C-alpha atoms as a PDB file:
ATOM      1  CA  MET A   1      67.680 126.711 122.241  1.00  0.00           C
ATOM      2  CA  ALA A   2      69.567 123.912 120.515  1.00  0.00           C
ATOM      3  CA  LYS A   3      69.015 120.399 121.791  1.00  0.00           C
ATOM      4  CA  THR A   4      71.767 119.087 124.052  1.00  0.00           C
ATOM      5  CA  ALA A   5      73.745 116.351 122.319  1.00  0.00           C
ATOM      6  CA  HIS A   6      74.386 113.048 124.102  1.00  0.00           C
ATOM      7  CA  VAL A   7      77.214 110.592 123.429  1.00  0.00           C
ATOM      8  CA  ALA A   8      77.691 107.135 124.938  1.00  0.00           C
ATOM      9  CA  ILE A   9      81.287 105.991 125.276  1.00  0.00           C
ATOM     10  CA  ILE A  10      81.821 102.324 126.038  1.00  0.00           C
ATOM     11  CA  GLY A  11      85.087 101.902 127.888  1.00  0.00           C
ATOM     12  CA  GLY A  12      86.567 104.556 130.157  1.00  0.00           C
ATOM     13  CA  GLY A  13      90.249 103.628 130.212  1.00  0.00           C
ATOM     14  CA  ILE A  14      93.147 105.669 128.862  1.00  0.00           C
ATOM     15  CA  MET A  15      91.735 106.146 125.366  1.00  0.00           C
ATOM     16  CA  GLY A  16      88.091 106.186 126.410  1.00  0.00           C
ATOM     17  CA  GLY A  17      88.752 108.683 129.191  1.00  0.00           C
ATOM     18  CA  ASP A  18      90.456 111.104 126.831  1.00  0.00           C
ATOM     19  CA  ILE A  19      87.596 110.798 124.320  1.00  0.00           C
ATOM     20  CA  VAL A  20      85.205 111.577 127.187  1.00  0.00           C
ATOM     21  CA  THR A  21      87.228 114.736 127.814  1.00  0.00           C
ATOM     22  CA  VAL A  22      86.888 115.823 124.169  1.00  0.00           C
ATOM     23  CA  PHE A  23      83.093 115.731 124.291  1.00  0.00           C
ATOM     24  CA  ALA A  24      82.690 117.040 127.844  1.00  0.00           C
ATOM     25  CA  ALA A  25      84.808 120.087 126.946  1.00  0.00           C
ATOM     26  CA  LYS A  26      82.337 120.874 124.138  1.00  0.00           C
ATOM     27  CA  ASN A  27      79.347 120.599 126.484  1.00  0.00           C
ATOM     28  CA  TRP A  28      78.008 117.282 125.260  1.00  0.00           C
ATOM     29  CA  GLN A  29      76.304 115.113 127.831  1.00  0.00           C
ATOM     30  CA  VAL A  30      78.654 112.150 128.085  1.00  0.00           C
ATOM     31  CA  HIS A  31      77.485 108.718 129.253  1.00  0.00           C
ATOM     32  CA  VAL A  32      80.371 106.377 130.025  1.00  0.00           C
ATOM     33  CA  MET A  33      79.979 102.652 130.619  1.00  0.00           C
ATOM     34  CA  SER A  34      82.669 100.420 132.074  1.00  0.00           C
ATOM     35  CA  PRO A  35      82.092  97.200 134.036  1.00  0.00           C
ATOM     36  CA  SER A  36      85.393  97.773 135.871  1.00  0.00           C
ATOM     37  CA  GLN A  37      85.140  99.561 139.218  1.00  0.00           C
ATOM     38  CA  LYS A  38      88.829 100.454 138.991  1.00  0.00           C
ATOM     39  CA  THR A  39      88.281 102.099 135.590  1.00  0.00           C
ATOM     40  CA  ARG A  40      85.230 103.981 136.822  1.00  0.00           C
ATOM     41  CA  ASP A  41      87.112 105.252 139.884  1.00  0.00           C
ATOM     42  CA  ALA A  42      90.012 106.515 137.747  1.00  0.00           C
ATOM     43  CA  LEU A  43      87.841 108.178 135.101  1.00  0.00           C
ATOM     44  CA  MET A  44      86.940 111.539 136.617  1.00  0.00           C
ATOM     45  CA  PRO A  45      90.453 112.413 137.833  1.00  0.00           C
ATOM     46  CA  ARG A  46      91.647 111.750 134.261  1.00  0.00           C
ATOM     47  CA  VAL A  47      88.831 113.871 132.783  1.00  0.00           C
ATOM     48  CA  ASN A  48      89.506 116.737 135.214  1.00  0.00           C
ATOM     49  CA  ALA A  49      93.205 116.709 134.344  1.00  0.00           C
ATOM     50  CA  GLY A  50      92.385 116.617 130.616  1.00  0.00           C
ATOM     51  CA  LEU A  51      89.977 119.530 130.861  1.00  0.00           C
ATOM     52  CA  ALA A  52      92.678 121.589 132.572  1.00  0.00           C
ATOM     53  CA  LYS A  53      95.129 120.818 129.749  1.00  0.00           C
ATOM     54  CA  LEU A  54      92.520 121.969 127.227  1.00  0.00           C
ATOM     55  CA  HIS A  55      91.958 125.156 129.291  1.00  0.00           C
ATOM     56  CA  ALA A  56      88.274 124.173 129.413  1.00  0.00           C
ATOM     57  CA  ASP A  57      85.895 125.180 132.182  1.00  0.00           C
ATOM     58  CA  ALA A  58      86.293 122.750 135.081  1.00  0.00           C
ATOM     59  CA  ALA A  59      82.512 122.724 135.366  1.00  0.00           C
ATOM     60  CA  CYS A  60      82.402 120.692 132.139  1.00  0.00           C
ATOM     61  CA  ALA A  61      83.177 117.646 134.272  1.00  0.00           C
ATOM     62  CA  SER A  62      79.546 117.760 135.429  1.00  0.00           C
ATOM     63  CA  ASN A  63      78.566 116.751 131.875  1.00  0.00           C
ATOM     64  CA  VAL A  64      79.850 113.219 132.550  1.00  0.00           C
ATOM     65  CA  ALA A  65      77.764 110.351 133.945  1.00  0.00           C
ATOM     66  CA  VAL A  66      79.287 106.935 134.656  1.00  0.00           C
ATOM     67  CA  TYR A  67      77.562 103.539 134.531  1.00  0.00           C
ATOM     68  CA  ALA A  68      78.461  99.935 135.311  1.00  0.00           C
ATOM     69  CA  ARG A  69      76.026  98.342 132.822  1.00  0.00           C
ATOM     70  CA  LEU A  70      74.831  99.103 129.307  1.00  0.00           C
ATOM     71  CA  GLU A  71      71.234  98.734 130.475  1.00  0.00           C
ATOM     72  CA  ASP A  72      71.631 101.693 132.859  1.00  0.00           C
ATOM     73  CA  ILE A  73      72.028 104.201 130.010  1.00  0.00           C
ATOM     74  CA  SER A  74      68.946 106.041 128.734  1.00  0.00           C
ATOM     75  CA  TRP A  75      69.473 105.001 125.118  1.00  0.00           C
ATOM     76  CA  ARG A  76      66.624 107.053 123.653  1.00  0.00           C
ATOM     77  CA  GLU A  77      68.708 110.195 124.391  1.00  0.00           C
ATOM     78  CA  ILE A  78      71.929 108.987 122.771  1.00  0.00           C
ATOM     79  CA  ASP A  79      72.950 110.653 119.487  1.00  0.00           C
ATOM     80  CA  LEU A  80      76.309 108.910 119.007  1.00  0.00           C
ATOM     81  CA  VAL A  81      77.982 105.776 120.375  1.00  0.00           C
ATOM     82  CA  ILE A  82      81.755 105.263 120.467  1.00  0.00           C
ATOM     83  CA  GLU A  83      83.270 101.951 121.548  1.00  0.00           C
ATOM     84  CA  ALA A  84      86.734 102.244 123.122  1.00  0.00           C
ATOM     85  CA  VAL A  85      87.303  98.896 124.828  1.00  0.00           C
ATOM     86  CA  THR A  86      90.329  96.599 124.732  1.00  0.00           C
ATOM     87  CA  GLU A  87      91.658  95.605 121.287  1.00  0.00           C
ATOM     88  CA  ASP A  88      89.998  92.181 121.361  1.00  0.00           C
ATOM     89  CA  LEU A  89      87.978  91.366 118.231  1.00  0.00           C
ATOM     90  CA  PRO A  90      85.569  88.796 119.775  1.00  0.00           C
ATOM     91  CA  LEU A  91      84.927  91.230 122.655  1.00  0.00           C
ATOM     92  CA  LYS A  92      84.148  94.061 120.254  1.00  0.00           C
ATOM     93  CA  GLN A  93      81.888  91.877 118.124  1.00  0.00           C
ATOM     94  CA  LYS A  94      79.990  90.713 121.214  1.00  0.00           C
ATOM     95  CA  LEU A  95      79.620  94.293 122.428  1.00  0.00           C
ATOM     96  CA  PHE A  96      78.271  95.555 119.092  1.00  0.00           C
ATOM     97  CA  ALA A  97      75.753  92.705 119.023  1.00  0.00           C
ATOM     98  CA  GLN A  98      74.595  93.871 122.466  1.00  0.00           C
ATOM     99  CA  LEU A  99      74.457  97.512 121.426  1.00  0.00           C
ATOM    100  CA  GLU A 100      72.505  96.983 118.212  1.00  0.00           C
ATOM    101  CA  PRO A 101      69.047  96.465 119.797  1.00  0.00           C
ATOM    102  CA  LEU A 102      69.634  99.128 122.473  1.00  0.00           C
ATOM    103  CA  VAL A 103      70.683 102.083 120.316  1.00  0.00           C
ATOM    104  CA  ARG A 104      68.153 104.184 118.392  1.00  0.00           C
ATOM    105  CA  PRO A 105      68.050 103.140 114.703  1.00  0.00           C
ATOM    106  CA  ASP A 106      69.143 106.624 113.567  1.00  0.00           C
ATOM    107  CA  THR A 107      72.183 106.744 115.872  1.00  0.00           C
ATOM    108  CA  PRO A 108      75.655 106.046 114.424  1.00  0.00           C
ATOM    109  CA  ILE A 109      77.755 103.467 116.251  1.00  0.00           C
ATOM    110  CA  ALA A 110      81.539 103.790 115.923  1.00  0.00           C
ATOM    111  CA  THR A 111      84.529 101.740 116.984  1.00  0.00           C
ATOM    112  CA  ASN A 112      87.810 103.324 117.996  1.00  0.00           C
ATOM    113  CA  THR A 113      89.832 100.300 116.907  1.00  0.00           C
ATOM    114  CA  SER A 114      93.295 100.892 115.490  1.00  0.00           C
ATOM    115  CA  ASN A 115      94.011  97.222 114.894  1.00  0.00           C
ATOM    116  CA  PHE A 116      90.976  95.632 113.239  1.00  0.00           C
ATOM    117  CA  GLN A 117      89.192  96.364 109.989  1.00  0.00           C
ATOM    118  CA  ILE A 118      85.780  97.937 110.528  1.00  0.00           C
ATOM    119  CA  GLY A 119      84.058  95.257 108.454  1.00  0.00           C
ATOM    120  CA  ALA A 120      85.369  92.594 110.835  1.00  0.00           C
ATOM    121  CA  VAL A 121      84.006  94.410 113.900  1.00  0.00           C
ATOM    122  CA  SER A 122      80.573  94.944 112.305  1.00  0.00           C
ATOM    123  CA  GLN A 123      80.350  91.433 110.839  1.00  0.00           C
ATOM    124  CA  GLY A 124      76.896  89.942 111.309  1.00  0.00           C
ATOM    125  CA  LEU A 125      75.155  93.156 112.387  1.00  0.00           C
ATOM    126  CA  LYS A 126      71.723  93.807 110.895  1.00  0.00           C
ATOM    127  CA  THR A 127      72.391  97.553 110.992  1.00  0.00           C
ATOM    128  CA  ALA A 128      76.013  97.522 109.785  1.00  0.00           C
ATOM    129  CA  ALA A 129      75.189 100.474 107.516  1.00  0.00           C
ATOM    130  CA  ARG A 130      75.271 102.836 110.504  1.00  0.00           C
ATOM    131  CA  MET A 131      78.555 101.430 111.813  1.00  0.00           C
ATOM    132  CA  ALA A 132      81.939 103.057 111.063  1.00  0.00           C
ATOM    133  CA  GLY A 133      85.314 103.696 112.613  1.00  0.00           C
ATOM    134  CA  LEU A 134      86.308 106.774 114.593  1.00  0.00           C
ATOM    135  CA  HIS A 135      90.023 106.280 115.131  1.00  0.00           C
ATOM    136  CA  PHE A 136      91.406 108.756 117.666  1.00  0.00           C
ATOM    137  CA  PHE A 137      95.152 109.044 118.332  1.00  0.00           C
ATOM    138  CA  MET A 138      96.682 109.099 121.814  1.00  0.00           C
ATOM    139  CA  PRO A 139      96.392 111.353 123.706  1.00  0.00           C
ATOM    140  CA  ALA A 140      92.937 111.721 122.179  1.00  0.00           C
ATOM    141  CA  HIS A 141      92.118 115.047 123.833  1.00  0.00           C
ATOM    142  CA  LEU A 142      95.263 116.705 122.395  1.00  0.00           C
ATOM    143  CA  ILE A 143      95.900 115.032 119.022  1.00  0.00           C
ATOM    144  CA  PRO A 144      93.547 116.719 116.523  1.00  0.00           C
ATOM    145  CA  LEU A 145      93.357 113.906 113.957  1.00  0.00           C
ATOM    146  CA  VAL A 146      90.416 111.499 113.886  1.00  0.00           C
ATOM    147  CA  GLU A 147      90.076 108.983 111.055  1.00  0.00           C
ATOM    148  CA  VAL A 148      86.483 108.414 109.933  1.00  0.00           C
ATOM    149  CA  VAL A 149      86.686 104.918 108.460  1.00  0.00           C
ATOM    150  CA  SER A 150      84.029 103.381 106.214  1.00  0.00           C
ATOM    151  CA  ALA A 151      83.557  99.652 105.758  1.00  0.00           C
ATOM    152  CA  ASP A 152      82.011  98.370 102.538  1.00  0.00           C
ATOM    153  CA  THR A 153      78.663  98.315 104.370  1.00  0.00           C
ATOM    154  CA  THR A 154      78.872 101.830 105.855  1.00  0.00           C
ATOM    155  CA  ASP A 155      76.237 104.301 104.614  1.00  0.00           C
ATOM    156  CA  PRO A 156      78.099 107.303 103.113  1.00  0.00           C
ATOM    157  CA  ASN A 157      75.641 109.602 104.895  1.00  0.00           C
ATOM    158  CA  VAL A 158      76.717 108.123 108.222  1.00  0.00           C
ATOM    159  CA  ALA A 159      80.376 108.786 107.412  1.00  0.00           C
ATOM    160  CA  ALA A 160      79.532 112.366 106.410  1.00  0.00           C
ATOM    161  CA  LYS A 161      77.603 112.878 109.656  1.00  0.00           C
ATOM    162  CA  LEU A 162      80.488 111.532 111.728  1.00  0.00           C
ATOM    163  CA  GLU A 163      82.947 113.786 109.922  1.00  0.00           C
ATOM    164  CA  GLN A 164      80.821 116.824 110.759  1.00  0.00           C
ATOM    165  CA  LEU A 165      80.404 115.742 114.389  1.00  0.00           C
ATOM    166  CA  MET A 166      84.175 115.487 114.735  1.00  0.00           C
ATOM    167  CA  LYS A 167      84.547 119.012 113.358  1.00  0.00           C
ATOM    168  CA  ASP A 168      81.886 120.177 115.817  1.00  0.00           C
ATOM    169  CA  VAL A 169      83.976 118.947 118.775  1.00  0.00           C
ATOM    170  CA  GLY A 170      87.121 120.629 117.438  1.00  0.00           C
ATOM    171  CA  LYS A 171      88.851 117.693 115.774  1.00  0.00           C
ATOM    172  CA  ALA A 172      90.546 117.486 112.350  1.00  0.00           C
ATOM    173  CA  PRO A 173      88.813 114.487 110.743  1.00  0.00           C
ATOM    174  CA  ILE A 174      89.839 112.756 107.535  1.00  0.00           C
ATOM    175  CA  ARG A 175      87.712 110.320 105.550  1.00  0.00           C
ATOM    176  CA  VAL A 176      89.164 106.843 105.031  1.00  0.00           C
ATOM    177  CA  ASN A 177      87.072 105.503 102.179  1.00  0.00           C
ATOM    178  CA  LYS A 178      88.541 101.994 102.047  1.00  0.00           C
ATOM    179  CA  ASP A 179      88.682  99.663 105.036  1.00  0.00           C
ATOM    180  CA  VAL A 180      92.393  98.873 104.659  1.00  0.00           C
ATOM    181  CA  PRO A 181      94.503  97.492 107.538  1.00  0.00           C
ATOM    182  CA  GLY A 182      96.054 100.322 109.531  1.00  0.00           C
ATOM    183  CA  PHE A 183      93.825 102.951 107.879  1.00  0.00           C
ATOM    184  CA  VAL A 184      95.942 106.021 106.932  1.00  0.00           C
ATOM    185  CA  GLY A 185      97.897 107.278 109.940  1.00  0.00           C
ATOM    186  CA  ASN A 186      99.230 103.928 111.105  1.00  0.00           C
ATOM    187  CA  ARG A 187     100.149 102.834 107.574  1.00  0.00           C
ATOM    188  CA  LEU A 188     102.236 105.991 107.164  1.00  0.00           C
ATOM    189  CA  GLN A 189     103.853 105.507 110.559  1.00  0.00           C
ATOM    190  CA  GLN A 190     104.691 101.867 109.876  1.00  0.00           C
ATOM    191  CA  ALA A 191     106.178 102.728 106.478  1.00  0.00           C
ATOM    192  CA  LEU A 192     108.511 105.144 108.241  1.00  0.00           C
ATOM    193  CA  MET A 193     109.273 102.634 111.021  1.00  0.00           C
ATOM    194  CA  ARG A 194     110.161  99.889 108.548  1.00  0.00           C
ATOM    195  CA  GLU A 195     112.768 102.084 106.884  1.00  0.00           C
ATOM    196  CA  ALA A 196     114.011 103.332 110.267  1.00  0.00           C
ATOM    197  CA  MET A 197     114.396  99.838 111.748  1.00  0.00           C
ATOM    198  CA  TRP A 198     116.219  98.491 108.710  1.00  0.00           C
ATOM    199  CA  MET A 199     118.549 101.513 108.647  1.00  0.00           C
ATOM    200  CA  ILE A 200     119.476 100.715 112.260  1.00  0.00           C
ATOM    201  CA  HIS A 201     119.973  97.059 111.245  1.00  0.00           C
ATOM    202  CA  ASP A 202     122.232  98.169 108.365  1.00  0.00           C
ATOM    203  CA  GLY A 203     124.287 100.405 110.662  1.00  0.00           C
ATOM    204  CA  VAL A 204     123.284 103.599 108.860  1.00  0.00           C
ATOM    205  CA  THR A 205     122.403 105.401 112.099  1.00  0.00           C
ATOM    206  CA  THR A 206     121.116 104.863 115.644  1.00  0.00           C
ATOM    207  CA  ALA A 207     117.735 105.209 117.355  1.00  0.00           C
ATOM    208  CA  GLU A 208     118.902 108.622 118.565  1.00  0.00           C
ATOM    209  CA  GLY A 209     119.784 109.552 114.996  1.00  0.00           C
ATOM    210  CA  ILE A 210     116.376 108.517 113.677  1.00  0.00           C
ATOM    211  CA  ASP A 211     114.550 110.490 116.361  1.00  0.00           C
ATOM    212  CA  ALA A 212     116.662 113.587 115.732  1.00  0.00           C
ATOM    213  CA  ALA A 213     116.154 113.368 111.960  1.00  0.00           C
ATOM    214  CA  VAL A 214     112.386 113.260 112.418  1.00  0.00           C
ATOM    215  CA  ARG A 215     112.006 115.761 115.269  1.00  0.00           C
ATOM    216  CA  TYR A 216     114.446 118.388 114.048  1.00  0.00           C
ATOM    217  CA  GLY A 217     114.146 117.763 110.299  1.00  0.00           C
ATOM    218  CA  PHE A 218     111.057 116.970 108.266  1.00  0.00           C
ATOM    219  CA  GLY A 219     108.915 116.257 111.336  1.00  0.00           C
ATOM    220  CA  PHE A 220     109.523 119.773 112.655  1.00  0.00           C
ATOM    221  CA  ARG A 221     107.684 121.306 109.721  1.00  0.00           C
ATOM    222  CA  PHE A 222     104.809 118.805 109.764  1.00  0.00           C
ATOM    223  CA  VAL A 223     102.971 120.783 112.435  1.00  0.00           C
ATOM    224  CA  ALA A 224     102.830 123.637 109.898  1.00  0.00           C
ATOM    225  CA  CYS A 225     102.225 121.689 106.684  1.00  0.00           C
ATOM    226  CA  GLY A 226     101.874 118.090 105.565  1.00  0.00           C
ATOM    227  CA  PRO A 227     104.144 116.367 103.040  1.00  0.00           C
ATOM    228  CA  PHE A 228     102.003 117.173 100.005  1.00  0.00           C
ATOM    229  CA  LEU A 229     101.778 120.891 100.751  1.00  0.00           C
ATOM    230  CA  GLN A 230     105.514 120.959 101.460  1.00  0.00           C
ATOM    231  CA  LYS A 231     106.248 119.433  98.045  1.00  0.00           C
ATOM    232  CA  GLU A 232     103.913 121.974  96.452  1.00  0.00           C
ATOM    233  CA  MET A 233     106.388 124.561  97.755  1.00  0.00           C
ATOM    234  CA  SER A 234     109.598 122.705  96.926  1.00  0.00           C
ATOM    235  CA  GLY A 235     108.422 121.428  93.546  1.00  0.00           C
ATOM    236  CA  TRP A 236     107.145 118.064  92.351  1.00  0.00           C
ATOM    237  CA  ASP A 237     109.781 117.927  89.619  1.00  0.00           C
ATOM    238  CA  THR A 238     112.494 117.779  92.264  1.00  0.00           C
ATOM    239  CA  ASN A 239     110.536 115.218  94.267  1.00  0.00           C
ATOM    240  CA  PHE A 240     110.001 113.058  91.163  1.00  0.00           C
ATOM    241  CA  ALA A 241     113.728 113.040  90.449  1.00  0.00           C
ATOM    242  CA  VAL A 242     114.557 112.102  94.048  1.00  0.00           C
ATOM    243  CA  ALA A 243     111.843 109.422  94.116  1.00  0.00           C
ATOM    244  CA  THR A 244     113.053 107.897  90.864  1.00  0.00           C
ATOM    245  CA  ALA A 245     116.582 107.612  92.214  1.00  0.00           C
ATOM    246  CA  LEU A 246     115.735 106.609  95.797  1.00  0.00           C
ATOM    247  CA  TYR A 247     112.714 104.269  95.626  1.00  0.00           C
ATOM    248  CA  PRO A 248     114.738 101.313  94.286  1.00  0.00           C
ATOM    249  CA  ASP A 249     117.056 101.545  97.313  1.00  0.00           C
ATOM    250  CA  LEU A 250     114.336 101.752  99.998  1.00  0.00           C
ATOM    251  CA  HIS A 251     113.606  98.703 102.109  1.00  0.00           C
ATOM    252  CA  ASN A 252     110.525  96.652 101.193  1.00  0.00           C
ATOM    253  CA  GLU A 253     111.021  93.604 103.412  1.00  0.00           C
ATOM    254  CA  LYS A 254     107.868  91.791 104.504  1.00  0.00           C
ATOM    255  CA  THR A 255     109.131  91.236 108.068  1.00  0.00           C
ATOM    256  CA  PRO A 256     110.853  93.347 110.736  1.00  0.00           C
ATOM    257  CA  PRO A 257     114.644  93.045 111.048  1.00  0.00           C
ATOM    258  CA  PRO A 258     116.041  90.235 113.259  1.00  0.00           C
ATOM    259  CA  PHE A 259     117.266  92.542 116.038  1.00  0.00           C
ATOM    260  CA  PHE A 260     113.726  93.902 116.478  1.00  0.00           C
ATOM    261  CA  LYS A 261     112.320  90.392 116.965  1.00  0.00           C
ATOM    262  CA  ALA A 262     115.119  89.529 119.402  1.00  0.00           C
ATOM    263  CA  MET A 263     114.531  92.738 121.365  1.00  0.00           C
ATOM    264  CA  VAL A 264     110.846  91.902 121.857  1.00  0.00           C
ATOM    265  CA  GLU A 265     111.664  88.286 122.787  1.00  0.00           C
ATOM    266  CA  ARG A 266     114.031  89.572 125.498  1.00  0.00           C
ATOM    267  CA  GLY A 267     111.175  91.665 126.903  1.00  0.00           C
ATOM    268  CA  HIS A 268     112.850  94.954 125.982  1.00  0.00           C
ATOM    269  CA  VAL A 269     109.552  96.513 124.892  1.00  0.00           C
ATOM    270  CA  GLY A 270     109.943 100.060 126.169  1.00  0.00           C
ATOM    271  CA  MET A 271     108.923 102.086 129.194  1.00  0.00           C
ATOM    272  CA  LYS A 272     106.445  99.522 130.542  1.00  0.00           C
ATOM    273  CA  ALA A 273     109.312  97.027 130.887  1.00  0.00           C
ATOM    274  CA  LYS A 274     111.875  99.662 131.981  1.00  0.00           C
ATOM    275  CA  HIS A 275     113.951  98.800 128.889  1.00  0.00           C
ATOM    276  CA  GLY A 276     113.643  99.283 125.134  1.00  0.00           C
ATOM    277  CA  PHE A 277     116.305 101.018 123.065  1.00  0.00           C
ATOM    278  CA  TRP A 278     117.100 102.856 126.324  1.00  0.00           C
ATOM    279  CA  PRO A 279     116.930 101.888 130.020  1.00  0.00           C
ATOM    280  CA  TRP A 280     114.149 103.553 132.022  1.00  0.00           C
ATOM    281  CA  THR A 281     113.383 104.318 135.651  1.00  0.00           C
ATOM    282  CA  ASP A 282     110.129 105.515 137.177  1.00  0.00           C
ATOM    283  CA  GLU A 283     111.637 108.993 137.438  1.00  0.00           C
ATOM    284  CA  SER A 284     112.930 109.148 133.859  1.00  0.00           C
ATOM    285  CA  ILE A 285     109.602 107.848 132.541  1.00  0.00           C
ATOM    286  CA  ALA A 286     107.664 110.513 134.437  1.00  0.00           C
ATOM    287  CA  ASN A 287     110.034 113.261 133.288  1.00  0.00           C
ATOM    288  CA  GLU A 288     109.912 112.197 129.643  1.00  0.00           C
ATOM    289  CA  LYS A 289     106.123 111.872 129.583  1.00  0.00           C
ATOM    290  CA  ALA A 290     105.784 115.326 131.152  1.00  0.00           C
ATOM    291  CA  ARG A 291     108.145 116.823 128.565  1.00  0.00           C
ATOM    292  CA  ILE A 292     106.266 115.202 125.688  1.00  0.00           C
ATOM    293  CA  GLU A 293     102.871 116.314 126.981  1.00  0.00           C
ATOM    294  CA  LYS A 294     104.131 119.890 127.388  1.00  0.00           C
ATOM    295  CA  ALA A 295     105.360 119.821 123.772  1.00  0.00           C
ATOM    296  CA  LEU A 296     102.035 118.389 122.568  1.00  0.00           C
ATOM    297  CA  GLN A 297     100.138 121.158 124.362  1.00  0.00           C
ATOM    298  CA  ALA A 298     102.330 123.745 122.617  1.00  0.00           C
ATOM    299  CA  GLY A 299     101.665 122.050 119.268  1.00  0.00           C
ATOM    300  CA  PHE A 300      97.950 121.945 120.072  1.00  0.00           C
ATOM    301  CA  ALA A 301      98.011 125.704 120.660  1.00  0.00           C
ATOM    302  CA  ILE A 302      99.596 126.243 117.223  1.00  0.00           C
ATOM    303  CA  ILE A 303      96.910 124.135 115.509  1.00  0.00           C
ATOM    304  CA  GLU A 304      94.149 125.936 117.411  1.00  0.00           C
ATOM    305  CA  ALA A 305      95.606 129.296 116.323  1.00  0.00           C
ATOM    306  CA  ASP A 306      95.428 128.142 112.691  1.00  0.00           C
ATOM    307  CA  LYS A 307      91.643 127.841 113.043  1.00  0.00           C
ATOM    308  CA  LYS A 308      91.208 131.510 113.925  1.00  0.00           C
END
């Protein structure tokens, strides 16, 4: 019988809880540490709901153990550590310094940061070679992509091991071989958002127009194939001609447009403030989140079918 795998997840909030669900659904023993009683109380309802959305056996919830202190975890059993705490660099650095002497020397330690370079999080660690990034995307139990990010100090064998572990739990990992800000996914998203924001500033279209162009145009086919495979079908000669003509006219400003800054300064930051590009109510927020999650589950089913 194969040895049961154990993962320790530090932080059991929204992101951490969904990562817990990923591993619990694949029958890993999951050890979750959060010093917050509120977070610990909310964890299992979130995991149970996530397991249902994955159509996993509800009994998988019994794979999860919750702790208030790092010292309460039986570290000799742990095969992988994932940090998923608040995006606070000093906090992460302090936590990794605490983890280093606790975790077995052969156990990889990963950060789920989306904001900080991996080398900054691992700065000063004696065992930085076993430290890498595992960047999940929200909601982590439904979005297949995980970025496996190497710092300059990361042992390539550790990155390879993490990539395989992500495949083992059903994810679609990619290797990020340079510790660049934003990694891959967020850099691509921000490149799109820069052009979108400046087109709104220039009066080319509206927020509704941007969303429709992405959802019902090129974004619609992205669940079936990425941009490179799509251009393999349409032809790189055509793409080269378009790129040659269009690149000079694309925006390359170093800052967001003025209206974006003003919007944030007014507190119009989206659903959490009940106002962004659109006004929101508790009811409209709940309805929109439910619609989006239903669509993500349908997309998840398509990706899962591709694996068969």
